[in-house]
Amino acid sequence: MRVLLFLWFTPLALFWGWFALSVNDWSFGFIMLSRELHDVVFGIYARTLGVEREALPGMIAGACALDTALIMAIAAFRWRASWLPHAREMLVSYWQDETAGDHDRDYSDGFDGDFTTAATVPVRPAE
């Protein structure tokens, strides 16, 4: 999993680092970071895709956001054993009523008060 995260993060960091430096023409004497090369690369890429050059940064950002969401979903699924119990504990502490004990609760839908297995929020009478 660490290799997957490394292979995801490294190209993103390199691309967006290059993009930020080249779009602002902070070349530090390197031709790779110049605005001229930036314009040439994005011009070739725009002609290849058949879109306008100004639309490319937004398209690339959208693709990066989608990739990031997929990688984070995979990571959350793989590491669910470490974060899911904590999330359930937070859910229990959020929905528990501090003023009444479990024996004083009246749930009209037959809920037994076990919040760790609950799929829905219990119905409480209006006060």
Protein backbone atom coordinates (compact mmCIF):
# COMPACT_ATOMS: atom_id res chain seq x y z
CA MET A 1 0.00 0.00 0.00
CA ARG A 2 2.88 2.35 0.73
CA VAL A 3 4.25 1.69 -2.75
CA LEU A 4 0.86 2.58 -4.24
CA LEU A 5 0.74 5.82 -2.26
CA PHE A 6 4.30 6.64 -3.32
CA LEU A 7 3.52 5.91 -6.98
CA TRP A 8 0.44 8.13 -6.72
CA PHE A 9 2.01 11.04 -4.83
CA THR A 10 5.35 11.35 -6.66
CA PRO A 11 4.01 12.15 -10.16
CA LEU A 12 1.45 14.56 -8.70
CA ALA A 13 4.08 16.41 -6.69
CA LEU A 14 6.47 16.56 -9.65
CA PHE A 15 3.82 17.74 -12.11
CA TRP A 16 2.24 20.37 -9.89
CA GLY A 17 5.67 21.55 -8.75
CA TRP A 18 6.77 21.94 -12.36
CA PHE A 19 3.46 23.57 -13.27
CA ALA A 20 3.66 26.14 -10.45
CA LEU A 21 7.24 27.06 -11.26
CA SER A 22 6.86 27.15 -15.03
CA VAL A 23 3.56 29.04 -15.15
CA ASN A 24 5.13 31.78 -13.01
CA ASP A 25 8.40 31.60 -15.02
CA TRP A 26 10.56 30.83 -12.00
CA SER A 27 13.11 28.96 -14.10
CA PHE A 28 16.21 29.40 -11.86
CA GLY A 29 18.22 29.11 -15.08
CA PHE A 30 16.77 25.73 -16.13
CA ILE A 31 15.03 25.49 -19.48
CA MET A 32 12.64 22.85 -18.06
CA LEU A 33 11.10 25.45 -15.72
CA SER A 34 10.74 28.25 -18.29
CA ARG A 35 7.42 29.68 -19.41
CA GLU A 36 8.35 29.06 -23.05
CA LEU A 37 8.64 25.31 -22.50
CA HIS A 38 5.41 25.41 -20.46
CA ASP A 39 3.58 26.98 -23.40
CA VAL A 40 5.07 24.48 -25.87
CA VAL A 41 4.15 21.45 -23.73
CA PHE A 42 0.61 22.63 -23.11
CA GLY A 43 0.22 23.59 -26.79
CA ILE A 44 1.23 20.09 -27.92
CA TYR A 45 -1.00 18.49 -25.32
CA ALA A 46 -3.95 20.71 -26.29
CA ARG A 47 -3.57 19.89 -30.00
CA THR A 48 -3.30 16.19 -29.20
CA LEU A 49 -6.53 16.25 -27.17
CA GLY A 50 -8.30 18.72 -29.45
CA VAL A 51 -9.17 21.19 -26.67
CA GLU A 52 -8.19 24.75 -25.89
CA ARG A 53 -4.91 25.25 -24.04
CA GLU A 54 -6.58 27.26 -21.26
CA ALA A 55 -8.88 24.35 -20.39
CA LEU A 56 -6.04 21.90 -19.72
CA PRO A 57 -5.10 22.87 -16.13
CA GLY A 58 -8.71 22.41 -15.01
CA MET A 59 -8.97 19.08 -16.80
CA ILE A 60 -5.73 17.87 -15.22
CA ALA A 61 -6.87 19.06 -11.78
CA GLY A 62 -10.15 17.16 -12.20
CA ALA A 63 -8.30 14.00 -13.21
CA CYS A 64 -5.96 14.37 -10.22
CA ALA A 65 -8.94 14.86 -7.89
CA LEU A 66 -10.62 11.73 -9.24
CA ASP A 67 -7.39 9.72 -8.89
CA THR A 68 -6.94 11.02 -5.36
CA ALA A 69 -10.51 10.05 -4.42
CA LEU A 70 -9.98 6.53 -5.80
CA ILE A 71 -6.66 6.08 -4.00
CA MET A 72 -8.12 7.39 -0.72
CA ALA A 73 -11.10 5.03 -1.07
CA ILE A 74 -8.74 2.10 -1.60
CA ALA A 75 -6.61 3.19 1.37
CA ALA A 76 -9.69 3.62 3.59
CA PHE A 77 -10.89 0.15 2.64
CA ARG A 78 -7.48 -1.40 3.28
CA TRP A 79 -7.02 0.37 6.64
CA ARG A 80 -10.63 0.08 7.83
CA ALA A 81 -9.59 -2.10 10.77
CA SER A 82 -7.76 0.87 12.29
CA TRP A 83 -10.22 3.71 11.65
CA LEU A 84 -13.64 2.03 11.62
CA PRO A 85 -13.79 1.17 15.36
CA HIS A 86 -12.81 4.73 16.20
CA ALA A 87 -15.50 6.11 13.87
CA ARG A 88 -18.11 3.84 15.48
CA GLU A 89 -16.99 4.99 18.93
CA MET A 90 -17.36 8.62 17.87
CA LEU A 91 -20.83 7.86 16.50
CA VAL A 92 -21.84 6.22 19.77
CA SER A 93 -20.54 9.12 21.87
CA TYR A 94 -22.28 11.64 19.61
CA TRP A 95 -25.72 10.01 19.70
CA GLN A 96 -25.78 8.92 23.33
CA ASP A 97 -27.99 10.92 25.64
CA GLU A 98 -26.04 12.05 28.71
CA THR A 99 -29.13 12.82 30.84
CA ALA A 100 -30.75 9.38 30.71
CA GLY A 101 -29.38 5.89 31.12
CA ASP A 102 -29.97 3.11 28.61
CA HIS A 103 -32.81 1.69 30.73
CA ASP A 104 -34.78 4.97 30.62
CA ARG A 105 -34.87 5.18 26.84
CA ASP A 106 -38.12 4.72 24.99
CA TYR A 107 -37.73 4.01 21.31
CA SER A 108 -40.94 3.72 19.38
CA ASP A 109 -39.36 1.69 16.57
CA GLY A 110 -38.18 -1.16 18.82
CA PHE A 111 -34.52 -0.18 18.78
CA ASP A 112 -32.59 -1.90 21.58
CA GLY A 113 -30.07 0.91 22.20
CA ASP A 114 -27.01 -0.73 20.62
CA PHE A 115 -25.61 2.10 18.50
CA THR A 116 -22.68 0.08 17.12
CA THR A 117 -25.03 -2.04 14.99
CA ALA A 118 -27.59 0.65 14.22
CA ALA A 119 -28.11 1.60 10.62
CA THR A 120 -30.50 4.45 11.37
CA VAL A 121 -30.91 7.09 14.04
CA PRO A 122 -33.52 6.26 16.68
CA VAL A 123 -36.73 8.26 16.62
CA ARG A 124 -37.07 10.50 19.69
CA PRO A 125 -40.32 12.13 20.75
CA ALA A 126 -40.63 15.87 20.34
CA GLU A 127 -39.93 17.84 23.49
